[in-house]
């Protein structure tokens, strides 16, 4: 992943990351989440957003700068459930990306 982010950064491209279990979730290994956070922090100008599922809730989370207190560096959108699993209202989101 770092090699791809390096290439995208050198070419001035923007990147979106799509996954299932969001980093920082209890079902995601802590050491993996920490390493992933460091990667995103390093490539904060290249990675424009992250999109996940798994929780079945409509959520927005932020990664914050490790050096500047309270400064957000990257958004994570977690999509709601498409089914009424665990008494959720089924829903979905449509995103339009520009760059």
PDB file of N, CA and C in Angstrom:
ATOM      1  N   UNK A   1       0.812  -1.183   0.000  1.00  0.00           N
ATOM      2  CA  UNK A   1       0.000   0.000   0.000  1.00  0.00           C
ATOM      3  C   UNK A   1       0.863   1.259   0.000  1.00  0.00           C
ATOM      4  N   UNK A   2       1.943   1.232   0.750  1.00  0.00           N
ATOM      5  CA  UNK A   2       2.824   2.396   0.802  1.00  0.00           C
ATOM      6  C   UNK A   2       3.407   2.692  -0.572  1.00  0.00           C
ATOM      7  N   UNK A   3       3.767   1.651  -1.311  1.00  0.00           N
ATOM      8  CA  UNK A   3       4.303   1.864  -2.662  1.00  0.00           C
ATOM      9  C   UNK A   3       3.273   2.536  -3.563  1.00  0.00           C
ATOM     10  N   UNK A   4       2.017   2.109  -3.468  1.00  0.00           N
ATOM     11  CA  UNK A   4       0.960   2.719  -4.278  1.00  0.00           C
ATOM     12  C   UNK A   4       0.724   4.167  -3.857  1.00  0.00           C
ATOM     13  N   UNK A   5       0.753   4.424  -2.564  1.00  0.00           N
ATOM     14  CA  UNK A   5       0.577   5.792  -2.087  1.00  0.00           C
ATOM     15  C   UNK A   5       1.749   6.671  -2.508  1.00  0.00           C
ATOM     16  N   UNK A   6       2.965   6.124  -2.483  1.00  0.00           N
ATOM     17  CA  UNK A   6       4.137   6.857  -2.976  1.00  0.00           C
ATOM     18  C   UNK A   6       3.957   7.244  -4.436  1.00  0.00           C
ATOM     19  N   UNK A   7       3.525   6.275  -5.256  1.00  0.00           N
ATOM     20  CA  UNK A   7       3.309   6.543  -6.686  1.00  0.00           C
ATOM     21  C   UNK A   7       2.246   7.616  -6.882  1.00  0.00           C
ATOM     22  N   UNK A   8       1.144   7.472  -6.182  1.00  0.00           N
ATOM     23  CA  UNK A   8       0.058   8.451  -6.315  1.00  0.00           C
ATOM     24  C   UNK A   8       0.508   9.834  -5.868  1.00  0.00           C
ATOM     25  N   UNK A   9       1.259   9.884  -4.785  1.00  0.00           N
ATOM     26  CA  UNK A   9       1.760  11.163  -4.285  1.00  0.00           C
ATOM     27  C   UNK A   9       2.682  11.818  -5.310  1.00  0.00           C
ATOM     28  N   UNK A  10       3.600  11.046  -5.878  1.00  0.00           N
ATOM     29  CA  UNK A  10       4.553  11.607  -6.839  1.00  0.00           C
ATOM     30  C   UNK A  10       3.869  12.066  -8.128  1.00  0.00           C
ATOM     31  N   UNK A  11       2.719  11.468  -8.450  1.00  0.00           N
ATOM     32  CA  UNK A  11       1.973  11.838  -9.655  1.00  0.00           C
ATOM     33  C   UNK A  11       0.899  12.887  -9.363  1.00  0.00           C
ATOM     34  N   UNK A  12       0.794  13.312  -8.116  1.00  0.00           N
ATOM     35  CA  UNK A  12      -0.192  14.313  -7.745  1.00  0.00           C
ATOM     36  C   UNK A  12      -1.624  13.802  -7.766  1.00  0.00           C
ATOM     37  N   UNK A  13      -1.787  12.496  -7.603  1.00  0.00           N
ATOM     38  CA  UNK A  13      -3.119  11.893  -7.627  1.00  0.00           C
ATOM     39  C   UNK A  13      -3.736  11.862  -6.232  1.00  0.00           C
ATOM     40  N   UNK A  14      -5.055  11.848  -6.210  1.00  0.00           N
ATOM     41  CA  UNK A  14      -5.796  11.670  -4.961  1.00  0.00           C
ATOM     42  C   UNK A  14      -6.187  10.211  -4.821  1.00  0.00           C
ATOM     43  N   UNK A  15      -6.320   9.750  -3.588  1.00  0.00           N
ATOM     44  CA  UNK A  15      -6.633   8.345  -3.313  1.00  0.00           C
ATOM     45  C   UNK A  15      -7.803   8.267  -2.337  1.00  0.00           C
ATOM     46  N   UNK A  16      -8.704   7.320  -2.599  1.00  0.00           N
ATOM     47  CA  UNK A  16      -9.753   6.949  -1.644  1.00  0.00           C
ATOM     48  C   UNK A  16      -9.463   5.525  -1.206  1.00  0.00           C
ATOM     49  N   UNK A  17      -9.631   5.242   0.058  1.00  0.00           N
ATOM     50  CA  UNK A  17      -9.414   3.895   0.583  1.00  0.00           C
ATOM     51  C   UNK A  17     -10.771   3.310   0.951  1.00  0.00           C
ATOM     52  N   UNK A  18     -11.028   2.097   0.475  1.00  0.00           N
ATOM     53  CA  UNK A  18     -12.287   1.411   0.742  1.00  0.00           C
ATOM     54  C   UNK A  18     -11.970   0.109   1.458  1.00  0.00           C
ATOM     55  N   UNK A  19     -12.651  -0.152   2.559  1.00  0.00           N
ATOM     56  CA  UNK A  19     -12.431  -1.376   3.314  1.00  0.00           C
ATOM     57  C   UNK A  19     -13.701  -1.821   4.008  1.00  0.00           C
ATOM     58  N   UNK A  20     -13.587  -2.855   4.791  1.00  0.00           N
ATOM     59  CA  UNK A  20     -14.763  -3.361   5.492  1.00  0.00           C
ATOM     60  C   UNK A  20     -14.752  -2.940   6.968  1.00  0.00           C
ATOM     61  N   UNK A  21     -13.809  -3.443   7.744  1.00  0.00           N
ATOM     62  CA  UNK A  21     -13.736  -3.105   9.175  1.00  0.00           C
ATOM     63  C   UNK A  21     -12.920  -1.819   9.324  1.00  0.00           C
ATOM     64  N   UNK A  22     -13.501  -0.780   9.908  1.00  0.00           N
ATOM     65  CA  UNK A  22     -12.765   0.472  10.033  1.00  0.00           C
ATOM     66  C   UNK A  22     -11.641   0.379  11.063  1.00  0.00           C
ATOM     67  N   UNK A  23     -10.533   1.071  10.805  1.00  0.00           N
ATOM     68  CA  UNK A  23      -9.456   1.094  11.789  1.00  0.00           C
ATOM     69  C   UNK A  23      -9.954   1.702  13.096  1.00  0.00           C
ATOM     70  N   UNK A  24      -9.465   1.154  14.197  1.00  0.00           N
ATOM     71  CA  UNK A  24      -9.876   1.619  15.508  1.00  0.00           C
ATOM     72  C   UNK A  24     -11.084   0.890  16.070  1.00  0.00           C
ATOM     73  N   UNK A  25     -11.758   0.111  15.244  1.00  0.00           N
ATOM     74  CA  UNK A  25     -12.912  -0.665  15.707  1.00  0.00           C
ATOM     75  C   UNK A  25     -12.405  -1.837  16.547  1.00  0.00           C
ATOM     76  N   UNK A  26     -13.152  -2.280  17.559  1.00  0.00           N
ATOM     77  CA  UNK A  26     -12.707  -3.411  18.384  1.00  0.00           C
ATOM     78  C   UNK A  26     -12.437  -4.701  17.594  1.00  0.00           C
ATOM     79  N   UNK A  27     -13.061  -4.868  16.436  1.00  0.00           N
ATOM     80  CA  UNK A  27     -12.807  -6.051  15.609  1.00  0.00           C
ATOM     81  C   UNK A  27     -11.550  -5.919  14.751  1.00  0.00           C
ATOM     82  N   UNK A  28     -10.875  -4.788  14.838  1.00  0.00           N
ATOM     83  CA  UNK A  28      -9.649  -4.550  14.067  1.00  0.00           C
ATOM     84  C   UNK A  28      -8.465  -4.563  15.043  1.00  0.00           C
ATOM     85  N   UNK A  29      -7.423  -5.304  14.704  1.00  0.00           N
ATOM     86  CA  UNK A  29      -6.254  -5.417  15.585  1.00  0.00           C
ATOM     87  C   UNK A  29      -5.667  -4.037  15.906  1.00  0.00           C
ATOM     88  N   UNK A  30      -5.382  -3.803  17.176  1.00  0.00           N
ATOM     89  CA  UNK A  30      -4.874  -2.498  17.606  1.00  0.00           C
ATOM     90  C   UNK A  30      -3.560  -2.133  16.926  1.00  0.00           C
ATOM     91  N   UNK A  31      -2.658  -3.090  16.815  1.00  0.00           N
ATOM     92  CA  UNK A  31      -1.363  -2.790  16.206  1.00  0.00           C
ATOM     93  C   UNK A  31      -1.542  -2.446  14.728  1.00  0.00           C
ATOM     94  N   UNK A  32      -2.450  -3.125  14.053  1.00  0.00           N
ATOM     95  CA  UNK A  32      -2.722  -2.817  12.643  1.00  0.00           C
ATOM     96  C   UNK A  32      -3.311  -1.416  12.539  1.00  0.00           C
ATOM     97  N   UNK A  33      -4.281  -1.101  13.400  1.00  0.00           N
ATOM     98  CA  UNK A  33      -4.907   0.225  13.385  1.00  0.00           C
ATOM     99  C   UNK A  33      -3.868   1.320  13.604  1.00  0.00           C
ATOM    100  N   UNK A  34      -2.968   1.108  14.539  1.00  0.00           N
ATOM    101  CA  UNK A  34      -1.930   2.097  14.834  1.00  0.00           C
ATOM    102  C   UNK A  34      -1.009   2.298  13.634  1.00  0.00           C
ATOM    103  N   UNK A  35      -0.574   1.205  13.017  1.00  0.00           N
ATOM    104  CA  UNK A  35       0.291   1.314  11.842  1.00  0.00           C
ATOM    105  C   UNK A  35      -0.437   1.992  10.684  1.00  0.00           C
ATOM    106  N   UNK A  36      -1.704   1.632  10.484  1.00  0.00           N
ATOM    107  CA  UNK A  36      -2.497   2.228   9.417  1.00  0.00           C
ATOM    108  C   UNK A  36      -2.661   3.730   9.650  1.00  0.00           C
ATOM    109  N   UNK A  37      -2.927   4.109  10.885  1.00  0.00           N
ATOM    110  CA  UNK A  37      -3.047   5.527  11.230  1.00  0.00           C
ATOM    111  C   UNK A  37      -1.760   6.279  10.869  1.00  0.00           C
ATOM    112  N   UNK A  38      -0.615   5.693  11.165  1.00  0.00           N
ATOM    113  CA  UNK A  38       0.661   6.333  10.839  1.00  0.00           C
ATOM    114  C   UNK A  38       0.833   6.500   9.333  1.00  0.00           C
ATOM    115  N   UNK A  39       0.391   5.513   8.566  1.00  0.00           N
ATOM    116  CA  UNK A  39       0.472   5.609   7.104  1.00  0.00           C
ATOM    117  C   UNK A  39      -0.435   6.736   6.605  1.00  0.00           C
ATOM    118  N   UNK A  40      -1.664   6.765   7.088  1.00  0.00           N
ATOM    119  CA  UNK A  40      -2.600   7.811   6.663  1.00  0.00           C
ATOM    120  C   UNK A  40      -2.085   9.186   7.069  1.00  0.00           C
ATOM    121  N   UNK A  41      -1.510   9.278   8.254  1.00  0.00           N
ATOM    122  CA  UNK A  41      -0.950  10.543   8.712  1.00  0.00           C
ATOM    123  C   UNK A  41       0.153  11.011   7.767  1.00  0.00           C
ATOM    124  N   UNK A  42       1.000  10.099   7.351  1.00  0.00           N
ATOM    125  CA  UNK A  42       2.087  10.436   6.423  1.00  0.00           C
ATOM    126  C   UNK A  42       1.555  10.891   5.058  1.00  0.00           C
ATOM    127  N   UNK A  43       0.493  10.249   4.562  1.00  0.00           N
ATOM    128  CA  UNK A  43      -0.039  10.537   3.227  1.00  0.00           C
ATOM    129  C   UNK A  43      -1.331  11.349   3.296  1.00  0.00           C
ATOM    130  N   UNK A  44      -1.460  12.179   4.301  1.00  0.00           N
ATOM    131  CA  UNK A  44      -2.709  12.923   4.524  1.00  0.00           C
ATOM    132  C   UNK A  44      -3.106  13.815   3.356  1.00  0.00           C
ATOM    133  N   UNK A  45      -2.155  14.289   2.563  1.00  0.00           N
ATOM    134  CA  UNK A  45      -2.492  15.141   1.417  1.00  0.00           C
ATOM    135  C   UNK A  45      -2.884  14.325   0.196  1.00  0.00           C
ATOM    136  N   UNK A  46      -2.579  13.049   0.188  1.00  0.00           N
ATOM    137  CA  UNK A  46      -2.901  12.164  -0.935  1.00  0.00           C
ATOM    138  C   UNK A  46      -4.204  11.419  -0.691  1.00  0.00           C
ATOM    139  N   UNK A  47      -4.391  10.905   0.515  1.00  0.00           N
ATOM    140  CA  UNK A  47      -5.612  10.162   0.851  1.00  0.00           C
ATOM    141  C   UNK A  47      -6.702  11.177   1.186  1.00  0.00           C
ATOM    142  N   UNK A  48      -7.702  11.250   0.330  1.00  0.00           N
ATOM    143  CA  UNK A  48      -8.767  12.247   0.492  1.00  0.00           C
ATOM    144  C   UNK A  48      -9.935  11.744   1.318  1.00  0.00           C
ATOM    145  N   UNK A  49     -10.056  10.432   1.483  1.00  0.00           N
ATOM    146  CA  UNK A  49     -11.147   9.896   2.280  1.00  0.00           C
ATOM    147  C   UNK A  49     -11.063   8.393   2.392  1.00  0.00           C
ATOM    148  N   UNK A  50     -11.753   7.870   3.396  1.00  0.00           N
ATOM    149  CA  UNK A  50     -11.805   6.425   3.630  1.00  0.00           C
ATOM    150  C   UNK A  50     -13.266   6.025   3.795  1.00  0.00           C
ATOM    151  N   UNK A  51     -13.598   4.852   3.262  1.00  0.00           N
ATOM    152  CA  UNK A  51     -14.978   4.380   3.273  1.00  0.00           C
ATOM    153  C   UNK A  51     -15.019   2.946   3.795  1.00  0.00           C
ATOM    154  N   UNK A  52     -15.877   2.702   4.785  1.00  0.00           N
ATOM    155  CA  UNK A  52     -15.940   1.394   5.431  1.00  0.00           C
ATOM    156  C   UNK A  52     -17.382   0.975   5.672  1.00  0.00           C
ATOM    157  N   UNK A  53     -17.550  -0.217   6.187  1.00  0.00           N
ATOM    158  CA  UNK A  53     -18.848  -0.761   6.557  1.00  0.00           C
ATOM    159  C   UNK A  53     -18.734  -1.386   7.935  1.00  0.00           C
ATOM    160  N   UNK A  54     -19.237  -2.588   8.094  1.00  0.00           N
ATOM    161  CA  UNK A  54     -19.089  -3.458   9.254  1.00  0.00           C
ATOM    162  C   UNK A  54     -19.948  -3.094  10.458  1.00  0.00           C
ATOM    163  N   UNK A  55     -20.048  -1.832  10.814  1.00  0.00           N
ATOM    164  CA  UNK A  55     -20.739  -1.470  12.054  1.00  0.00           C
ATOM    165  C   UNK A  55     -22.255  -1.445  11.901  1.00  0.00           C
ATOM    166  N   UNK A  56     -22.728  -1.314  10.678  1.00  0.00           N
ATOM    167  CA  UNK A  56     -24.159  -1.194  10.358  1.00  0.00           C
ATOM    168  C   UNK A  56     -24.748   0.137  10.822  1.00  0.00           C
ATOM    169  N   UNK A  57     -23.902   1.091  11.152  1.00  0.00           N
ATOM    170  CA  UNK A  57     -24.368   2.415  11.564  1.00  0.00           C
ATOM    171  C   UNK A  57     -23.817   3.476  10.621  1.00  0.00           C
ATOM    172  N   UNK A  58     -24.560   4.548  10.485  1.00  0.00           N
ATOM    173  CA  UNK A  58     -24.145   5.682   9.670  1.00  0.00           C
ATOM    174  C   UNK A  58     -23.224   6.542  10.529  1.00  0.00           C
ATOM    175  N   UNK A  59     -21.924   6.507  10.229  1.00  0.00           N
ATOM    176  CA  UNK A  59     -20.952   7.183  11.094  1.00  0.00           C
ATOM    177  C   UNK A  59     -19.950   7.990  10.284  1.00  0.00           C
ATOM    178  N   UNK A  60     -19.462   9.045  10.889  1.00  0.00           N
ATOM    179  CA  UNK A  60     -18.340   9.801  10.368  1.00  0.00           C
ATOM    180  C   UNK A  60     -17.310   9.859  11.484  1.00  0.00           C
ATOM    181  N   UNK A  61     -16.093   9.461  11.179  1.00  0.00           N
ATOM    182  CA  UNK A  61     -15.005   9.524  12.152  1.00  0.00           C
ATOM    183  C   UNK A  61     -13.868  10.320  11.522  1.00  0.00           C
ATOM    184  N   UNK A  62     -13.003  10.834  12.341  1.00  0.00           N
ATOM    185  CA  UNK A  62     -11.872  11.617  11.856  1.00  0.00           C
ATOM    186  C   UNK A  62     -10.568  11.088  12.426  1.00  0.00           C
ATOM    187  N   UNK A  63      -9.530  11.114  11.590  1.00  0.00           N
ATOM    188  CA  UNK A  63      -8.168  10.917  12.073  1.00  0.00           C
ATOM    189  C   UNK A  63      -7.635  12.313  12.383  1.00  0.00           C
ATOM    190  N   UNK A  64      -6.958  12.435  13.516  1.00  0.00           N
ATOM    191  CA  UNK A  64      -6.397  13.718  13.916  1.00  0.00           C
ATOM    192  C   UNK A  64      -4.880  13.702  13.811  1.00  0.00           C
ATOM    193  N   UNK A  65      -4.321  14.882  13.626  1.00  0.00           N
ATOM    194  CA  UNK A  65      -2.877  15.041  13.511  1.00  0.00           C
ATOM    195  C   UNK A  65      -2.176  14.544  14.772  1.00  0.00           C
ATOM    196  N   UNK A  66      -1.084  13.784  14.599  1.00  0.00           N
ATOM    197  CA  UNK A  66      -0.334  13.325  15.773  1.00  0.00           C
ATOM    198  C   UNK A  66       0.507  14.440  16.398  1.00  0.00           C
ATOM    199  N   UNK A  67       0.707  15.537  15.660  1.00  0.00           N
ATOM    200  CA  UNK A  67       1.573  16.604  16.158  1.00  0.00           C
ATOM    201  C   UNK A  67       0.838  17.904  16.454  1.00  0.00           C
ATOM    202  N   UNK A  68      -0.335  18.107  15.841  1.00  0.00           N
ATOM    203  CA  UNK A  68      -1.102  19.334  16.051  1.00  0.00           C
ATOM    204  C   UNK A  68      -2.413  18.971  16.744  1.00  0.00           C
ATOM    205  N   UNK A  69      -2.505  19.255  18.002  1.00  0.00           N
ATOM    206  CA  UNK A  69      -3.648  18.868  18.820  1.00  0.00           C
ATOM    207  C   UNK A  69      -4.967  19.381  18.239  1.00  0.00           C
ATOM    208  N   UNK A  70      -5.900  18.464  18.025  1.00  0.00           N
ATOM    209  CA  UNK A  70      -7.234  18.826  17.568  1.00  0.00           C
ATOM    210  C   UNK A  70      -7.379  19.122  16.091  1.00  0.00           C
ATOM    211  N   UNK A  71      -6.327  18.922  15.301  1.00  0.00           N
ATOM    212  CA  UNK A  71      -6.395  19.210  13.865  1.00  0.00           C
ATOM    213  C   UNK A  71      -6.747  17.932  13.108  1.00  0.00           C
ATOM    214  N   UNK A  72      -7.946  17.887  12.467  1.00  0.00           N
ATOM    215  CA  UNK A  72      -8.323  16.690  11.715  1.00  0.00           C
ATOM    216  C   UNK A  72      -7.502  16.577  10.436  1.00  0.00           C
ATOM    217  N   UNK A  73      -7.123  15.338  10.081  1.00  0.00           N
ATOM    218  CA  UNK A  73      -6.328  15.150   8.869  1.00  0.00           C
ATOM    219  C   UNK A  73      -6.987  14.245   7.836  1.00  0.00           C
ATOM    220  N   UNK A  74      -7.990  13.442   8.241  1.00  0.00           N
ATOM    221  CA  UNK A  74      -8.596  12.538   7.271  1.00  0.00           C
ATOM    222  C   UNK A  74      -9.944  12.031   7.765  1.00  0.00           C
ATOM    223  N   UNK A  75     -10.965  12.065   6.883  1.00  0.00           N
ATOM    224  CA  UNK A  75     -12.289  11.570   7.276  1.00  0.00           C
ATOM    225  C   UNK A  75     -12.472  10.088   6.965  1.00  0.00           C
ATOM    226  N   UNK A  76     -13.253   9.419   7.793  1.00  0.00           N
ATOM    227  CA  UNK A  76     -13.665   8.024   7.558  1.00  0.00           C
ATOM    228  C   UNK A  76     -15.186   8.003   7.558  1.00  0.00           C
ATOM    229  N   UNK A  77     -15.782   7.585   6.455  1.00  0.00           N
ATOM    230  CA  UNK A  77     -17.224   7.427   6.386  1.00  0.00           C
ATOM    231  C   UNK A  77     -17.543   5.952   6.540  1.00  0.00           C
ATOM    232  N   UNK A  78     -18.436   5.644   7.448  1.00  0.00           N
ATOM    233  CA  UNK A  78     -18.855   4.261   7.674  1.00  0.00           C
ATOM    234  C   UNK A  78     -20.314   4.177   7.258  1.00  0.00           C
ATOM    235  N   UNK A  79     -20.568   3.300   6.293  1.00  0.00           N
ATOM    236  CA  UNK A  79     -21.911   3.267   5.710  1.00  0.00           C
ATOM    237  C   UNK A  79     -22.891   2.523   6.602  1.00  0.00           C
ATOM    238  N   UNK A  80     -24.141   2.940   6.554  1.00  0.00           N
ATOM    239  CA  UNK A  80     -25.180   2.250   7.320  1.00  0.00           C
ATOM    240  C   UNK A  80     -25.510   0.900   6.697  1.00  0.00           C
ATOM    241  N   UNK A  81     -26.303   0.135   7.389  1.00  0.00           N
ATOM    242  CA  UNK A  81     -26.688  -1.199   6.936  1.00  0.00           C
ATOM    243  C   UNK A  81     -27.686  -1.123   5.789  1.00  0.00           C
ATOM    244  N   UNK A  82     -27.542  -2.032   4.843  1.00  0.00           N
ATOM    245  CA  UNK A  82     -28.526  -2.156   3.765  1.00  0.00           C
ATOM    246  C   UNK A  82     -29.718  -3.000   4.197  1.00  0.00           C
ATOM    247  N   UNK A  83     -29.598  -3.657   5.335  1.00  0.00           N
ATOM    248  CA  UNK A  83     -30.658  -4.541   5.833  1.00  0.00           C
ATOM    249  C   UNK A  83     -31.088  -4.084   7.230  1.00  0.00           C
ATOM    250  N   UNK A  84     -32.210  -4.573   7.728  1.00  0.00           N
ATOM    251  CA  UNK A  84     -32.630  -4.203   9.081  1.00  0.00           C
ATOM    252  C   UNK A  84     -31.942  -5.022  10.172  1.00  0.00           C
ATOM    253  N   UNK A  85     -30.779  -5.597   9.874  1.00  0.00           N
ATOM    254  CA  UNK A  85     -30.005  -6.373  10.842  1.00  0.00           C
ATOM    255  C   UNK A  85     -29.833  -5.579  12.134  1.00  0.00           C
ATOM    256  N   UNK A  86     -30.075  -6.234  13.242  1.00  0.00           N
ATOM    257  CA  UNK A  86     -29.972  -5.620  14.573  1.00  0.00           C
ATOM    258  C   UNK A  86     -30.813  -4.356  14.696  1.00  0.00           C
ATOM    259  N   UNK A  87     -32.012  -4.418  14.232  1.00  0.00           N
ATOM    260  CA  UNK A  87     -33.048  -3.378  14.295  1.00  0.00           C
ATOM    261  C   UNK A  87     -32.638  -2.026  13.702  1.00  0.00           C
ATOM    262  N   UNK A  88     -31.746  -2.009  12.728  1.00  0.00           N
ATOM    263  CA  UNK A  88     -31.379  -0.770  12.050  1.00  0.00           C
ATOM    264  C   UNK A  88     -32.352  -0.493  10.914  1.00  0.00           C
ATOM    265  N   UNK A  89     -32.506   0.763  10.582  1.00  0.00           N
ATOM    266  CA  UNK A  89     -33.261   1.125   9.399  1.00  0.00           C
ATOM    267  C   UNK A  89     -32.363   0.953   8.183  1.00  0.00           C
ATOM    268  N   UNK A  90     -32.793   0.182   7.184  1.00  0.00           N
ATOM    269  CA  UNK A  90     -31.979   0.016   5.979  1.00  0.00           C
ATOM    270  C   UNK A  90     -31.764   1.371   5.299  1.00  0.00           C
ATOM    271  N   UNK A  91     -30.562   1.591   4.821  1.00  0.00           N
ATOM    272  CA  UNK A  91     -30.265   2.850   4.136  1.00  0.00           C
ATOM    273  C   UNK A  91     -28.967   2.718   3.356  1.00  0.00           C
ATOM    274  N   UNK A  92     -28.681   3.731   2.578  1.00  0.00           N
ATOM    275  CA  UNK A  92     -27.427   3.775   1.830  1.00  0.00           C
ATOM    276  C   UNK A  92     -27.092   5.229   1.547  1.00  0.00           C
ATOM    277  N   UNK A  93     -25.877   5.463   1.104  1.00  0.00           N
ATOM    278  CA  UNK A  93     -25.424   6.805   0.754  1.00  0.00           C
ATOM    279  C   UNK A  93     -24.831   6.767  -0.639  1.00  0.00           C
ATOM    280  N   UNK A  94     -24.938   7.877  -1.313  1.00  0.00           N
ATOM    281  CA  UNK A  94     -24.296   8.048  -2.611  1.00  0.00           C
ATOM    282  C   UNK A  94     -23.283   9.176  -2.449  1.00  0.00           C
ATOM    283  N   UNK A  95     -22.045   8.903  -2.817  1.00  0.00           N
ATOM    284  CA  UNK A  95     -20.994   9.908  -2.743  1.00  0.00           C
ATOM    285  C   UNK A  95     -20.566  10.290  -4.150  1.00  0.00           C
ATOM    286  N   UNK A  96     -20.321  11.543  -4.356  1.00  0.00           N
ATOM    287  CA  UNK A  96     -19.742  12.031  -5.598  1.00  0.00           C
ATOM    288  C   UNK A  96     -18.360  12.563  -5.246  1.00  0.00           C
ATOM    289  N   UNK A  97     -17.356  12.073  -5.935  1.00  0.00           N
ATOM    290  CA  UNK A  97     -15.982  12.471  -5.630  1.00  0.00           C
ATOM    291  C   UNK A  97     -15.426  13.341  -6.749  1.00  0.00           C
ATOM    292  N   UNK A  98     -14.752  14.382  -6.367  1.00  0.00           N
ATOM    293  CA  UNK A  98     -14.099  15.275  -7.315  1.00  0.00           C
ATOM    294  C   UNK A  98     -12.623  15.312  -6.957  1.00  0.00           C
ATOM    295  N   UNK A  99     -11.841  14.515  -7.670  1.00  0.00           N
ATOM    296  CA  UNK A  99     -10.410  14.477  -7.434  1.00  0.00           C
ATOM    297  C   UNK A  99     -10.021  13.640  -6.369  1.00  0.00           C
TER     298      UNK A  99
END
